[in-house]
PDB file of all heavy atoms in Angstrom:
ATOM      1  N   ARG A   1     -15.339  -9.769 -11.610  1.00  0.00           N
ATOM      2  CA  ARG A   1     -14.951 -10.216 -10.267  1.00  0.00           C
ATOM      3  C   ARG A   1     -13.407 -10.486 -10.238  1.00  0.00           C
ATOM      4  O   ARG A   1     -12.769 -10.020  -9.227  1.00  0.00           O
ATOM      5  CB  ARG A   1     -15.660 -11.425  -9.887  1.00  0.00           C
ATOM      6  CG  ARG A   1     -15.186 -12.040  -8.571  1.00  0.00           C
ATOM      7  CD  ARG A   1     -16.069 -13.249  -8.223  1.00  0.00           C
ATOM      8  NE  ARG A   1     -15.498 -13.873  -6.901  1.00  0.00           N
ATOM      9  CZ  ARG A   1     -15.615 -13.394  -5.721  1.00  0.00           C
ATOM     10  NH1 ARG A   1     -16.317 -12.231  -5.526  1.00  0.00           N
ATOM     11  NH2 ARG A   1     -15.124 -14.007  -4.650  1.00  0.00           N
ATOM     12  N   GLY A   2     -12.897 -11.052 -11.299  1.00  0.00           N
ATOM     13  CA  GLY A   2     -11.482 -11.276 -11.377  1.00  0.00           C
ATOM     14  C   GLY A   2     -10.720  -9.969 -11.331  1.00  0.00           C
ATOM     15  O   GLY A   2      -9.602  -9.781 -10.714  1.00  0.00           O
ATOM     16  N   LEU A   3     -11.217  -9.010 -12.077  1.00  0.00           N
ATOM     17  CA  LEU A   3     -10.522  -7.651 -12.072  1.00  0.00           C
ATOM     18  C   LEU A   3     -10.544  -6.981 -10.764  1.00  0.00           C
ATOM     19  O   LEU A   3      -9.607  -6.395 -10.308  1.00  0.00           O
ATOM     20  CB  LEU A   3     -11.176  -6.831 -13.200  1.00  0.00           C
ATOM     21  CG  LEU A   3     -10.458  -5.467 -13.410  1.00  0.00           C
ATOM     22  CD1 LEU A   3      -9.038  -5.623 -13.839  1.00  0.00           C
ATOM     23  CD2 LEU A   3     -11.232  -4.744 -14.593  1.00  0.00           C
ATOM     24  N   GLU A   4     -11.731  -7.097 -10.035  1.00  0.00           N
ATOM     25  CA  GLU A   4     -11.794  -6.513  -8.728  1.00  0.00           C
ATOM     26  C   GLU A   4     -10.781  -7.230  -7.766  1.00  0.00           C
ATOM     27  O   GLU A   4     -10.220  -6.529  -6.959  1.00  0.00           O
ATOM     28  CB  GLU A   4     -13.242  -6.618  -8.231  1.00  0.00           C
ATOM     29  CG  GLU A   4     -14.239  -5.781  -8.913  1.00  0.00           C
ATOM     30  CD  GLU A   4     -13.900  -4.214  -8.797  1.00  0.00           C
ATOM     31  OE1 GLU A   4     -13.400  -3.918  -7.788  1.00  0.00           O
ATOM     32  OE2 GLU A   4     -14.249  -3.547  -9.723  1.00  0.00           O
ATOM     33  N   LEU A   5     -10.744  -8.550  -7.848  1.00  0.00           N
ATOM     34  CA  LEU A   5      -9.825  -9.217  -6.950  1.00  0.00           C
ATOM     35  C   LEU A   5      -8.354  -8.863  -7.279  1.00  0.00           C
ATOM     36  O   LEU A   5      -7.561  -8.736  -6.412  1.00  0.00           O
ATOM     37  CB  LEU A   5     -10.014 -10.747  -7.039  1.00  0.00           C
ATOM     38  CG  LEU A   5     -11.331 -11.315  -6.569  1.00  0.00           C
ATOM     39  CD1 LEU A   5     -11.402 -12.801  -6.818  1.00  0.00           C
ATOM     40  CD2 LEU A   5     -11.433 -11.059  -5.052  1.00  0.00           C
ATOM     41  N   LEU A   6      -8.096  -8.589  -8.536  1.00  0.00           N
ATOM     42  CA  LEU A   6      -6.782  -8.164  -8.958  1.00  0.00           C
ATOM     43  C   LEU A   6      -6.407  -6.886  -8.336  1.00  0.00           C
ATOM     44  O   LEU A   6      -5.289  -6.584  -7.860  1.00  0.00           O
ATOM     45  CB  LEU A   6      -6.691  -8.156 -10.423  1.00  0.00           C
ATOM     46  CG  LEU A   6      -5.242  -8.136 -11.083  1.00  0.00           C
ATOM     47  CD1 LEU A   6      -4.470  -9.359 -10.655  1.00  0.00           C
ATOM     48  CD2 LEU A   6      -5.421  -8.044 -12.574  1.00  0.00           C
ATOM     49  N   LYS A   7      -7.376  -5.952  -8.329  1.00  0.00           N
ATOM     50  CA  LYS A   7      -7.093  -4.591  -7.765  1.00  0.00           C
ATOM     51  C   LYS A   7      -6.970  -4.682  -6.208  1.00  0.00           C
ATOM     52  O   LYS A   7      -6.109  -3.988  -5.681  1.00  0.00           O
ATOM     53  CB  LYS A   7      -8.326  -3.707  -8.087  1.00  0.00           C
ATOM     54  CG  LYS A   7      -8.460  -3.350  -9.554  1.00  0.00           C
ATOM     55  CD  LYS A   7      -9.648  -2.513  -9.850  1.00  0.00           C
ATOM     56  CE  LYS A   7      -9.758  -2.113 -11.357  1.00  0.00           C
ATOM     57  NZ  LYS A   7     -10.946  -1.254 -11.631  1.00  0.00           N
ATOM     58  N   VAL A   8      -7.773  -5.569  -5.600  1.00  0.00           N
ATOM     59  CA  VAL A   8      -7.562  -5.733  -4.170  1.00  0.00           C
ATOM     60  C   VAL A   8      -6.186  -6.271  -3.867  1.00  0.00           C
ATOM     61  O   VAL A   8      -5.555  -5.824  -2.907  1.00  0.00           O
ATOM     62  CB  VAL A   8      -8.693  -6.687  -3.602  1.00  0.00           C
ATOM     63  CG1 VAL A   8      -8.427  -7.056  -2.168  1.00  0.00           C
ATOM     64  CG2 VAL A   8     -10.036  -6.075  -3.737  1.00  0.00           C
ATOM     65  N   ARG A   9      -5.736  -7.251  -4.602  1.00  0.00           N
ATOM     66  CA  ARG A   9      -4.445  -7.877  -4.317  1.00  0.00           C
ATOM     67  C   ARG A   9      -3.333  -6.764  -4.624  1.00  0.00           C
ATOM     68  O   ARG A   9      -2.337  -6.756  -3.903  1.00  0.00           O
ATOM     69  CB  ARG A   9      -4.219  -9.125  -5.275  1.00  0.00           C
ATOM     70  CG  ARG A   9      -2.964  -9.849  -4.942  1.00  0.00           C
ATOM     71  CD  ARG A   9      -2.859 -11.081  -5.704  1.00  0.00           C
ATOM     72  NE  ARG A   9      -3.913 -12.072  -5.294  1.00  0.00           N
ATOM     73  CZ  ARG A   9      -3.848 -12.777  -4.279  1.00  0.00           C
ATOM     74  NH1 ARG A   9      -2.789 -12.771  -3.458  1.00  0.00           N
ATOM     75  NH2 ARG A   9      -4.824 -13.647  -4.008  1.00  0.00           N
ATOM     76  N   SER A  10      -3.546  -5.945  -5.623  1.00  0.00           N
ATOM     77  CA  SER A  10      -2.511  -4.896  -5.967  1.00  0.00           C
ATOM     78  C   SER A  10      -2.467  -3.959  -4.714  1.00  0.00           C
ATOM     79  O   SER A  10      -1.344  -3.515  -4.340  1.00  0.00           O
ATOM     80  CB  SER A  10      -2.922  -4.213  -7.151  1.00  0.00           C
ATOM     81  OG  SER A  10      -2.866  -5.057  -8.268  1.00  0.00           O
ATOM     82  N   ARG A  11      -3.570  -3.506  -4.198  1.00  0.00           N
ATOM     83  CA  ARG A  11      -3.571  -2.639  -3.069  1.00  0.00           C
ATOM     84  C   ARG A  11      -2.932  -3.326  -1.828  1.00  0.00           C
ATOM     85  O   ARG A  11      -2.246  -2.633  -1.070  1.00  0.00           O
ATOM     86  CB  ARG A  11      -4.961  -2.182  -2.748  1.00  0.00           C
ATOM     87  CG  ARG A  11      -5.564  -1.216  -3.829  1.00  0.00           C
ATOM     88  CD  ARG A  11      -6.837  -0.609  -3.317  1.00  0.00           C
ATOM     89  NE  ARG A  11      -7.922  -1.473  -3.135  1.00  0.00           N
ATOM     90  CZ  ARG A  11      -8.856  -1.826  -4.004  1.00  0.00           C
ATOM     91  NH1 ARG A  11      -8.769  -1.268  -5.251  1.00  0.00           N
ATOM     92  NH2 ARG A  11      -9.814  -2.666  -3.757  1.00  0.00           N
ATOM     93  N   ASP A  12      -3.132  -4.609  -1.680  1.00  0.00           N
ATOM     94  CA  ASP A  12      -2.554  -5.330  -0.586  1.00  0.00           C
ATOM     95  C   ASP A  12      -1.015  -5.375  -0.699  1.00  0.00           C
ATOM     96  O   ASP A  12      -0.336  -5.187   0.301  1.00  0.00           O
ATOM     97  CB  ASP A  12      -3.124  -6.775  -0.505  1.00  0.00           C
ATOM     98  CG  ASP A  12      -2.542  -7.582   0.684  1.00  0.00           C
ATOM     99  OD1 ASP A  12      -2.892  -7.156   1.774  1.00  0.00           O
ATOM    100  OD2 ASP A  12      -1.753  -8.469   0.388  1.00  0.00           O
ATOM    101  N   VAL A  13      -0.539  -5.554  -1.905  1.00  0.00           N
ATOM    102  CA  VAL A  13       0.867  -5.570  -2.160  1.00  0.00           C
ATOM    103  C   VAL A  13       1.493  -4.183  -1.806  1.00  0.00           C
ATOM    104  O   VAL A  13       2.530  -4.073  -1.199  1.00  0.00           O
ATOM    105  CB  VAL A  13       1.274  -5.952  -3.629  1.00  0.00           C
ATOM    106  CG1 VAL A  13       2.703  -5.709  -3.885  1.00  0.00           C
ATOM    107  CG2 VAL A  13       0.910  -7.456  -3.810  1.00  0.00           C
ATOM    108  N   LEU A  14       0.781  -3.172  -2.255  1.00  0.00           N
ATOM    109  CA  LEU A  14       1.209  -1.769  -1.993  1.00  0.00           C
ATOM    110  C   LEU A  14       1.273  -1.504  -0.449  1.00  0.00           C
ATOM    111  O   LEU A  14       2.141  -0.873   0.057  1.00  0.00           O
ATOM    112  CB  LEU A  14       0.334  -0.801  -2.657  1.00  0.00           C
ATOM    113  CG  LEU A  14       0.664   0.731  -2.473  1.00  0.00           C
ATOM    114  CD1 LEU A  14       1.989   0.973  -3.082  1.00  0.00           C
ATOM    115  CD2 LEU A  14      -0.406   1.555  -3.214  1.00  0.00           C
ATOM    116  N   GLU A  15       0.257  -1.989   0.232  1.00  0.00           N
ATOM    117  CA  GLU A  15       0.229  -1.930   1.737  1.00  0.00           C
ATOM    118  C   GLU A  15       1.366  -2.621   2.380  1.00  0.00           C
ATOM    119  O   GLU A  15       2.042  -2.055   3.393  1.00  0.00           O
ATOM    120  CB  GLU A  15      -1.105  -2.416   2.284  1.00  0.00           C
ATOM    121  CG  GLU A  15      -1.352  -2.067   3.741  1.00  0.00           C
ATOM    122  CD  GLU A  15      -0.899  -3.214   4.640  1.00  0.00           C
ATOM    123  OE1 GLU A  15      -0.736  -4.376   4.165  1.00  0.00           O
ATOM    124  OE2 GLU A  15      -0.495  -2.903   5.841  1.00  0.00           O
ATOM    125  N   HIS A  16       1.762  -3.670   1.851  1.00  0.00           N
ATOM    126  CA  HIS A  16       2.878  -4.404   2.459  1.00  0.00           C
ATOM    127  C   HIS A  16       4.199  -3.652   2.177  1.00  0.00           C
ATOM    128  O   HIS A  16       5.097  -3.586   3.078  1.00  0.00           O
ATOM    129  CB  HIS A  16       2.983  -5.772   1.840  1.00  0.00           C
ATOM    130  CG  HIS A  16       2.001  -6.743   2.381  1.00  0.00           C
ATOM    131  ND1 HIS A  16       2.150  -8.142   2.280  1.00  0.00           N
ATOM    132  CD2 HIS A  16       0.843  -6.617   3.004  1.00  0.00           C
ATOM    133  CE1 HIS A  16       1.076  -8.761   2.834  1.00  0.00           C
ATOM    134  NE2 HIS A  16       0.321  -7.784   3.267  1.00  0.00           N
ATOM    135  N   ILE A  17       4.356  -3.086   1.040  1.00  0.00           N
ATOM    136  CA  ILE A  17       5.479  -2.308   0.679  1.00  0.00           C
ATOM    137  C   ILE A  17       5.579  -1.064   1.638  1.00  0.00           C
ATOM    138  O   ILE A  17       6.624  -0.712   2.136  1.00  0.00           O
ATOM    139  CB  ILE A  17       5.510  -1.828  -0.840  1.00  0.00           C
ATOM    140  CG1 ILE A  17       5.633  -3.094  -1.654  1.00  0.00           C
ATOM    141  CG2 ILE A  17       6.656  -0.899  -1.125  1.00  0.00           C
ATOM    142  CD1 ILE A  17       5.570  -2.788  -3.172  1.00  0.00           C
ATOM    143  N   GLU A  18       4.464  -0.460   1.840  1.00  0.00           N
ATOM    144  CA  GLU A  18       4.382   0.700   2.789  1.00  0.00           C
ATOM    145  C   GLU A  18       4.859   0.303   4.198  1.00  0.00           C
ATOM    146  O   GLU A  18       5.483   1.125   4.836  1.00  0.00           O
ATOM    147  CB  GLU A  18       3.090   1.438   2.707  1.00  0.00           C
ATOM    148  CG  GLU A  18       2.783   2.075   1.425  1.00  0.00           C
ATOM    149  CD  GLU A  18       1.376   2.603   1.362  1.00  0.00           C
ATOM    150  OE1 GLU A  18       0.542   2.219   2.262  1.00  0.00           O
ATOM    151  OE2 GLU A  18       1.057   3.444   0.438  1.00  0.00           O
ATOM    152  N   ARG A  19       4.452  -0.847   4.596  1.00  0.00           N
ATOM    153  CA  ARG A  19       4.924  -1.377   5.873  1.00  0.00           C
ATOM    154  C   ARG A  19       6.418  -1.478   5.936  1.00  0.00           C
ATOM    155  O   ARG A  19       7.077  -1.098   6.967  1.00  0.00           O
ATOM    156  CB  ARG A  19       4.257  -2.705   6.215  1.00  0.00           C
ATOM    157  CG  ARG A  19       2.756  -2.559   6.629  1.00  0.00           C
ATOM    158  CD  ARG A  19       2.175  -3.957   6.675  1.00  0.00           C
ATOM    159  NE  ARG A  19       2.827  -4.832   7.558  1.00  0.00           N
ATOM    160  CZ  ARG A  19       2.700  -6.155   7.575  1.00  0.00           C
ATOM    161  NH1 ARG A  19       1.774  -6.739   6.815  1.00  0.00           N
ATOM    162  NH2 ARG A  19       3.306  -6.899   8.501  1.00  0.00           N
ATOM    163  N   VAL A  20       7.010  -1.962   4.862  1.00  0.00           N
ATOM    164  CA  VAL A  20       8.409  -2.132   4.783  1.00  0.00           C
ATOM    165  C   VAL A  20       9.085  -0.779   4.803  1.00  0.00           C
ATOM    166  O   VAL A  20      10.106  -0.561   5.550  1.00  0.00           O
ATOM    167  CB  VAL A  20       8.845  -2.893   3.526  1.00  0.00           C
ATOM    168  CG1 VAL A  20      10.369  -2.913   3.323  1.00  0.00           C
ATOM    169  CG2 VAL A  20       8.324  -4.309   3.637  1.00  0.00           C
ATOM    170  N   VAL A  21       8.582   0.214   4.080  1.00  0.00           N
ATOM    171  CA  VAL A  21       9.096   1.525   4.051  1.00  0.00           C
ATOM    172  C   VAL A  21       9.018   2.147   5.486  1.00  0.00           C
ATOM    173  O   VAL A  21      10.041   2.775   5.917  1.00  0.00           O
ATOM    174  CB  VAL A  21       8.330   2.454   3.080  1.00  0.00           C
ATOM    175  CG1 VAL A  21       8.744   3.873   3.141  1.00  0.00           C
ATOM    176  CG2 VAL A  21       8.599   1.944   1.645  1.00  0.00           C
ATOM    177  N   HIS A  22       7.931   1.982   6.114  1.00  0.00           N
ATOM    178  CA  HIS A  22       7.774   2.580   7.421  1.00  0.00           C
ATOM    179  C   HIS A  22       8.751   1.867   8.483  1.00  0.00           C
ATOM    180  O   HIS A  22       9.396   2.555   9.301  1.00  0.00           O
ATOM    181  CB  HIS A  22       6.339   2.335   7.994  1.00  0.00           C
ATOM    182  CG  HIS A  22       6.183   2.657   9.414  1.00  0.00           C
ATOM    183  ND1 HIS A  22       6.094   4.007   9.850  1.00  0.00           N
ATOM    184  CD2 HIS A  22       6.002   1.927  10.551  1.00  0.00           C
ATOM    185  CE1 HIS A  22       5.902   4.066  11.116  1.00  0.00           C
ATOM    186  NE2 HIS A  22       5.836   2.786  11.545  1.00  0.00           N
ATOM    187  N   HIS A  23       8.964   0.586   8.287  1.00  0.00           N
ATOM    188  CA  HIS A  23       9.896  -0.151   9.222  1.00  0.00           C
ATOM    189  C   HIS A  23      11.354   0.332   8.967  1.00  0.00           C
ATOM    190  O   HIS A  23      12.145   0.500   9.939  1.00  0.00           O
ATOM    191  CB  HIS A  23       9.740  -1.603   9.037  1.00  0.00           C
ATOM    192  CG  HIS A  23      10.571  -2.393   9.997  1.00  0.00           C
ATOM    193  ND1 HIS A  23      11.757  -3.027   9.555  1.00  0.00           N
ATOM    194  CD2 HIS A  23      10.478  -2.667  11.279  1.00  0.00           C
ATOM    195  CE1 HIS A  23      12.331  -3.679  10.598  1.00  0.00           C
ATOM    196  NE2 HIS A  23      11.569  -3.452  11.709  1.00  0.00           N
ATOM    197  N   VAL A  24      11.711   0.418   7.724  1.00  0.00           N
ATOM    198  CA  VAL A  24      13.075   0.866   7.394  1.00  0.00           C
ATOM    199  C   VAL A  24      13.352   2.223   7.868  1.00  0.00           C
ATOM    200  O   VAL A  24      14.424   2.495   8.439  1.00  0.00           O
ATOM    201  CB  VAL A  24      13.357   0.754   5.873  1.00  0.00           C
ATOM    202  CG1 VAL A  24      14.725   1.315   5.513  1.00  0.00           C
ATOM    203  CG2 VAL A  24      13.371  -0.712   5.450  1.00  0.00           C
ATOM    204  N   ARG A  25      12.427   3.127   7.716  1.00  0.00           N
ATOM    205  CA  ARG A  25      12.650   4.526   8.181  1.00  0.00           C
ATOM    206  C   ARG A  25      12.680   4.541   9.698  1.00  0.00           C
ATOM    207  O   ARG A  25      13.429   5.359  10.232  1.00  0.00           O
ATOM    208  CB  ARG A  25      11.535   5.393   7.667  1.00  0.00           C
ATOM    209  CG  ARG A  25      11.606   5.646   6.159  1.00  0.00           C
ATOM    210  CD  ARG A  25      10.521   6.560   5.607  1.00  0.00           C
ATOM    211  NE  ARG A  25      10.724   6.809   4.220  1.00  0.00           N
ATOM    212  CZ  ARG A  25       9.859   7.463   3.462  1.00  0.00           C
ATOM    213  NH1 ARG A  25       8.671   7.951   3.982  1.00  0.00           N
ATOM    214  NH2 ARG A  25      10.077   7.666   2.171  1.00  0.00           N
ATOM    215  N   ARG A  26      11.867   3.734  10.338  1.00  0.00           N
ATOM    216  CA  ARG A  26      11.848   3.684  11.848  1.00  0.00           C
ATOM    217  C   ARG A  26      13.223   3.199  12.294  1.00  0.00           C
ATOM    218  O   ARG A  26      13.764   3.740  13.294  1.00  0.00           O
ATOM    219  CB  ARG A  26      10.749   2.818  12.321  1.00  0.00           C
ATOM    220  CG  ARG A  26      10.704   2.845  13.899  1.00  0.00           C
ATOM    221  CD  ARG A  26       9.364   2.141  14.291  1.00  0.00           C
ATOM    222  NE  ARG A  26       9.272   0.780  13.884  1.00  0.00           N
ATOM    223  CZ  ARG A  26       9.827  -0.251  14.538  1.00  0.00           C
ATOM    224  NH1 ARG A  26      10.548  -0.044  15.605  1.00  0.00           N
ATOM    225  NH2 ARG A  26       9.743  -1.504  14.092  1.00  0.00           N
ATOM    226  N   LEU A  27      13.811   2.219  11.582  1.00  0.00           N
ATOM    227  CA  LEU A  27      15.115   1.765  12.042  1.00  0.00           C
ATOM    228  C   LEU A  27      16.189   2.813  11.753  1.00  0.00           C
ATOM    229  O   LEU A  27      17.152   3.032  12.555  1.00  0.00           O
ATOM    230  CB  LEU A  27      15.432   0.494  11.176  1.00  0.00           C
ATOM    231  CG  LEU A  27      14.737  -0.742  11.512  1.00  0.00           C
ATOM    232  CD1 LEU A  27      15.084  -1.951  10.581  1.00  0.00           C
ATOM    233  CD2 LEU A  27      14.875  -1.212  12.950  1.00  0.00           C
ATOM    234  N   GLU A  28      16.083   3.562  10.668  1.00  0.00           N
ATOM    235  CA  GLU A  28      17.024   4.674  10.419  1.00  0.00           C
ATOM    236  C   GLU A  28      16.910   5.675  11.590  1.00  0.00           C
ATOM    237  O   GLU A  28      17.946   6.271  12.101  1.00  0.00           O
ATOM    238  CB  GLU A  28      16.678   5.333   9.142  1.00  0.00           C
ATOM    239  CG  GLU A  28      17.167   4.667   7.928  1.00  0.00           C
ATOM    240  CD  GLU A  28      17.022   5.434   6.654  1.00  0.00           C
ATOM    241  OE1 GLU A  28      15.905   5.536   6.086  1.00  0.00           O
ATOM    242  OE2 GLU A  28      18.010   6.038   6.188  1.00  0.00           O
TER     243      GLU A  28
END
């Protein structure tokens, strides 16, 4: 269970980074 939660959190962090990338490119 802890490993699955760790994977979920990792994917969530990646999704936040992709939001930042999308926003920066939109500003460009």
